[in-house]
Amino acid sequence: MSVIVKICGLSTEATVDAALAAGADMIGFVFFPKSPRAVSLERAATLAARARGRAEIVALTVDMDDASLAEIVATVRPDWLQLHGGESVARVAEVRSRFGLPVMKALGIRGAEDLAGLPAYAAVADRLLLDAKPPKGADRPGGNGVSFDWRLLDALDPRLSYMLSGGLDADNVAEALALTRPFGIDASSGVETAPGIKDPDRIQAFIAAIRGFRSNADKGRTIAGERMTS
């Protein structure tokens, strides 16, 4: 199965169209006022309608209360809720139960000690998104354009399914895929020309790099198989 690709922080028709045309499986809208990628409910609803049925729609929130989540669910009608703050295991389970939508929990990684809590979150979330911990002094939990040491993920249980995020772009995503085994890949700042300004060409190049890596990997397996049977 090919890697799922999510483009997050979209805010214009042109970039939503670019993500869809390039083959994105998921698109994300940010509902965190401090982010340069934040969009209003009305704007997100318009863009979501443009993509509905062509890609899964993700609403990214940060430590949001139930009333605000309910507004997003009613207005935007997302397919997923992404919890990108300090939500506890219990809170993730509560949101999933209350709203009846799949929940993706983002968790910051900097060192090996950050891996210990992953199984508990995996037990209550539908999907984990492993992101780089924000730099000291950052005022938002994601979209900071930094990555972490992907080799840390060698220690994870191979059965643990996750999406990989944090500082990924067209130049380094093949390396990330070679070192890890993600279910999916997520990009935001890596397909921008400036914070919050997505670039259609960078979106296309990013997704092409992912699909190209998979094609090369499949080709390698085919050649190896042919050698074994020849």
Protein backbone atom coordinates (compact mmCIF):
# COMPACT_ATOMS: atom_id res chain seq x y z
CA MET A 1 0.00 0.00 0.00
CA SER A 2 1.35 3.45 -0.89
CA VAL A 3 2.09 6.06 1.74
CA ILE A 4 -0.78 8.39 2.64
CA VAL A 5 0.07 12.05 1.93
CA LYS A 6 -1.41 14.94 3.89
CA ILE A 7 -0.90 18.61 3.03
CA CYS A 8 -1.77 20.76 6.04
CA GLY A 9 -2.42 24.44 6.56
CA LEU A 10 -4.14 25.15 3.24
CA SER A 11 -6.01 28.44 2.91
CA THR A 12 -6.68 29.17 -0.78
CA GLU A 13 -8.57 27.62 -3.65
CA ALA A 14 -5.40 27.48 -5.76
CA THR A 15 -3.43 25.49 -3.21
CA VAL A 16 -6.31 23.15 -2.40
CA ASP A 17 -6.62 22.48 -6.13
CA ALA A 18 -2.86 21.94 -6.39
CA ALA A 19 -2.87 19.43 -3.54
CA LEU A 20 -5.78 17.53 -5.08
CA ALA A 21 -4.25 17.55 -8.57
CA ALA A 22 -0.94 16.24 -7.19
CA GLY A 23 -2.72 13.36 -5.48
CA ALA A 24 -2.92 14.35 -1.82
CA ASP A 25 -4.96 11.87 0.22
CA MET A 26 -5.71 14.30 3.06
CA ILE A 27 -5.85 18.08 3.35
CA GLY A 28 -5.73 19.99 6.60
CA PHE A 29 -7.16 23.27 7.83
CA VAL A 30 -5.71 24.98 10.90
CA PHE A 31 -7.94 26.38 13.65
CA PHE A 32 -5.28 27.85 15.93
CA PRO A 33 -5.24 31.67 16.00
CA LYS A 34 -1.49 31.98 16.59
CA SER A 35 -0.68 30.09 13.42
CA PRO A 36 -0.03 31.99 10.17
CA ARG A 37 -2.05 29.21 8.54
CA ALA A 38 -5.21 29.75 10.60
CA VAL A 39 -8.47 30.01 8.67
CA SER A 40 -11.98 31.01 9.71
CA LEU A 41 -14.77 28.48 9.95
CA GLU A 42 -16.47 29.98 6.92
CA ARG A 43 -13.31 29.93 4.83
CA ALA A 44 -12.54 26.35 5.80
CA ALA A 45 -16.09 25.26 4.98
CA THR A 46 -15.80 26.73 1.49
CA LEU A 47 -12.47 25.05 0.84
CA ALA A 48 -13.63 21.76 2.35
CA ALA A 49 -16.63 21.69 0.01
CA ARG A 50 -14.21 22.04 -2.89
CA ALA A 51 -12.28 18.95 -1.79
CA ARG A 52 -15.02 16.76 -0.35
CA GLY A 53 -15.04 13.31 -1.86
CA ARG A 54 -11.61 13.82 -3.40
CA ALA A 55 -9.48 13.87 -0.25
CA GLU A 56 -10.12 13.41 3.46
CA ILE A 57 -10.60 16.69 5.32
CA VAL A 58 -8.72 17.24 8.58
CA ALA A 59 -9.43 19.94 11.16
CA LEU A 60 -6.30 20.78 13.19
CA THR A 61 -7.00 22.10 16.67
CA VAL A 62 -4.92 22.84 19.76
CA ASP A 63 -6.35 22.18 23.24
CA MET A 64 -9.78 23.25 22.03
CA ASP A 65 -12.93 23.08 24.16
CA ASP A 66 -16.01 21.06 23.23
CA ALA A 67 -18.08 24.05 22.14
CA SER A 68 -15.46 25.18 19.62
CA LEU A 69 -14.95 21.64 18.35
CA ALA A 70 -18.69 21.30 17.88
CA GLU A 71 -18.71 24.46 15.74
CA ILE A 72 -16.00 23.06 13.50
CA VAL A 73 -17.74 19.71 13.15
CA ALA A 74 -21.07 21.34 12.27
CA THR A 75 -19.71 23.98 9.90
CA VAL A 76 -16.72 22.35 8.19
CA ARG A 77 -17.83 18.70 8.41
CA PRO A 78 -14.31 17.30 8.62
CA ASP A 79 -13.50 13.63 8.20
CA TRP A 80 -10.87 13.82 10.95
CA LEU A 81 -10.11 15.85 14.06
CA GLN A 82 -6.40 16.43 14.60
CA LEU A 83 -5.44 17.23 18.19
CA HIS A 84 -2.12 19.05 18.10
CA GLY A 85 -1.83 20.38 21.64
CA GLY A 86 -1.14 18.92 25.04
CA GLU A 87 -4.30 16.82 25.10
CA SER A 88 -4.12 13.93 27.56
CA VAL A 89 -4.89 10.32 26.71
CA ALA A 90 -8.23 10.74 28.48
CA ARG A 91 -9.04 13.89 26.51
CA VAL A 92 -8.29 12.17 23.20
CA ALA A 93 -10.64 9.34 24.11
CA GLU A 94 -13.31 11.83 25.21
CA VAL A 95 -13.16 13.83 21.95
CA ARG A 96 -13.35 10.67 19.88
CA SER A 97 -16.37 9.43 21.80
CA ARG A 98 -18.19 12.76 21.95
CA PHE A 99 -17.91 13.71 18.29
CA GLY A 100 -17.92 10.29 16.63
CA LEU A 101 -15.08 11.17 14.25
CA PRO A 102 -11.67 9.58 13.79
CA VAL A 103 -9.04 11.38 15.85
CA MET A 104 -5.41 11.94 14.92
CA LYS A 105 -3.16 12.83 17.87
CA ALA A 106 0.04 14.74 17.16
CA LEU A 107 2.93 14.08 19.52
CA GLY A 108 6.21 15.98 19.65
CA ILE A 109 9.46 14.03 19.42
CA ARG A 110 12.92 15.27 20.36
CA GLY A 111 14.59 12.38 22.17
CA ALA A 112 14.10 8.71 22.97
CA GLU A 113 12.22 9.61 26.15
CA ASP A 114 9.39 11.04 24.05
CA LEU A 115 8.56 7.60 22.64
CA ALA A 116 7.43 6.14 25.97
CA GLY A 117 3.92 7.62 25.87
CA LEU A 118 3.09 6.60 22.32
CA PRO A 119 1.43 3.24 23.06
CA ALA A 120 -1.06 4.82 25.47
CA TYR A 121 -2.13 7.37 22.86
CA ALA A 122 -2.21 4.71 20.15
CA ALA A 123 -4.75 2.80 22.24
CA VAL A 124 -7.28 5.67 22.09
CA ALA A 125 -6.48 7.56 18.87
CA ASP A 126 -7.24 6.33 15.37
CA ARG A 127 -3.86 7.55 14.16
CA LEU A 128 -0.69 9.09 15.59
CA LEU A 129 1.20 11.93 13.93
CA LEU A 130 4.82 12.17 15.06
CA ASP A 131 6.07 15.73 14.76
CA ALA A 132 9.21 17.52 15.90
CA LYS A 133 8.93 19.22 19.27
CA PRO A 134 8.81 22.97 18.71
CA PRO A 135 11.98 25.01 19.31
CA LYS A 136 12.32 26.72 22.66
CA GLY A 137 10.24 29.90 22.70
CA ALA A 138 7.98 28.86 19.79
CA ASP A 139 4.36 29.95 20.20
CA ARG A 140 2.82 27.11 18.20
CA PRO A 141 3.18 23.33 18.49
CA GLY A 142 3.67 22.56 14.80
CA GLY A 143 4.50 24.08 11.43
CA ASN A 144 7.87 25.29 12.67
CA GLY A 145 9.88 23.79 9.83
CA VAL A 146 12.10 21.61 12.03
CA SER A 147 12.63 17.86 11.98
CA PHE A 148 13.83 15.35 14.56
CA ASP A 149 16.25 12.44 14.39
CA TRP A 150 14.18 9.92 12.44
CA ARG A 151 16.48 7.10 13.55
CA LEU A 152 14.83 7.32 16.97
CA LEU A 153 11.82 5.59 15.45
CA ASP A 154 13.81 2.38 14.99
CA ALA A 155 12.92 1.64 18.62
CA LEU A 156 9.17 1.65 17.98
CA ASP A 157 7.08 -1.49 17.87
CA PRO A 158 6.81 -2.31 14.14
CA ARG A 159 3.07 -2.75 14.60
CA LEU A 160 2.62 0.90 15.64
CA SER A 161 1.06 2.87 12.79
CA TYR A 162 1.95 6.55 12.49
CA MET A 163 2.22 9.51 10.16
CA LEU A 164 5.50 11.44 10.04
CA SER A 165 5.70 15.22 10.14
CA GLY A 166 8.14 18.00 10.94
CA GLY A 167 10.42 19.83 8.53
CA LEU A 168 9.67 17.58 5.57
CA ASP A 169 10.07 18.86 2.02
CA ALA A 170 10.75 17.56 -1.47
CA ASP A 171 14.50 17.41 -0.81
CA ASN A 172 14.46 15.28 2.33
CA VAL A 173 11.26 13.23 2.24
CA ALA A 174 12.88 10.30 0.40
CA GLU A 175 15.52 10.09 3.13
CA ALA A 176 12.78 10.16 5.77
CA LEU A 177 10.95 7.34 4.02
CA ALA A 178 14.14 5.30 3.72
CA LEU A 179 14.82 5.60 7.47
CA THR A 180 11.29 5.14 8.79
CA ARG A 181 8.17 3.10 8.11
CA PRO A 182 5.33 5.63 8.27
CA PHE A 183 1.75 4.93 7.32
CA GLY A 184 1.64 8.50 6.04
CA ILE A 185 3.57 11.74 5.51
CA ASP A 186 2.43 15.22 6.50
CA ALA A 187 3.81 18.55 5.26
CA SER A 188 3.04 22.17 5.97
CA SER A 189 5.97 24.62 6.07
CA GLY A 190 7.96 22.42 3.68
CA VAL A 191 5.65 23.32 0.80
CA GLU A 192 5.64 27.07 1.49
CA THR A 193 7.53 30.10 0.21
CA ALA A 194 6.85 31.96 3.48
CA PRO A 195 4.96 31.07 6.69
CA GLY A 196 1.38 30.36 5.67
CA ILE A 197 2.00 30.86 1.94
CA LYS A 198 1.66 27.49 0.21
CA ASP A 199 3.22 27.07 -3.22
CA PRO A 200 1.54 24.86 -5.84
CA ASP A 201 4.86 23.89 -7.42
CA ARG A 202 6.32 22.84 -4.08
CA ILE A 203 3.21 20.83 -3.27
CA GLN A 204 3.51 19.01 -6.59
CA ALA A 205 7.24 18.38 -6.14
CA PHE A 206 6.75 17.09 -2.59
CA ILE A 207 4.07 14.58 -3.53
CA ALA A 208 6.01 13.54 -6.66
CA ALA A 209 9.07 12.83 -4.48
CA ILE A 210 6.98 10.54 -2.27
CA ARG A 211 5.36 8.70 -5.16
CA GLY A 212 8.72 8.42 -6.90
CA PHE A 213 10.29 6.86 -3.83
CA ARG A 214 7.56 4.26 -3.65
CA SER A 215 7.94 3.47 -7.34
CA ASN A 216 11.69 2.99 -6.97
CA ALA A 217 11.19 0.80 -3.91
CA ASP A 218 8.67 -1.37 -5.75
CA LYS A 219 10.99 -1.59 -8.75
CA GLY A 220 13.81 -2.75 -6.50
CA ARG A 221 11.66 -5.50 -5.01
CA THR A 222 10.63 -6.63 -8.51
CA ILE A 223 14.23 -6.85 -9.69
CA ALA A 224 15.21 -8.78 -6.54
CA GLY A 225 12.32 -11.19 -7.11
CA GLU A 226 13.32 -11.76 -10.69
CA ARG A 227 16.89 -12.57 -9.62
CA MET A 228 15.65 -15.07 -7.07
CA THR A 229 13.50 -16.93 -9.62
CA SER A 230 15.94 -16.81 -12.52
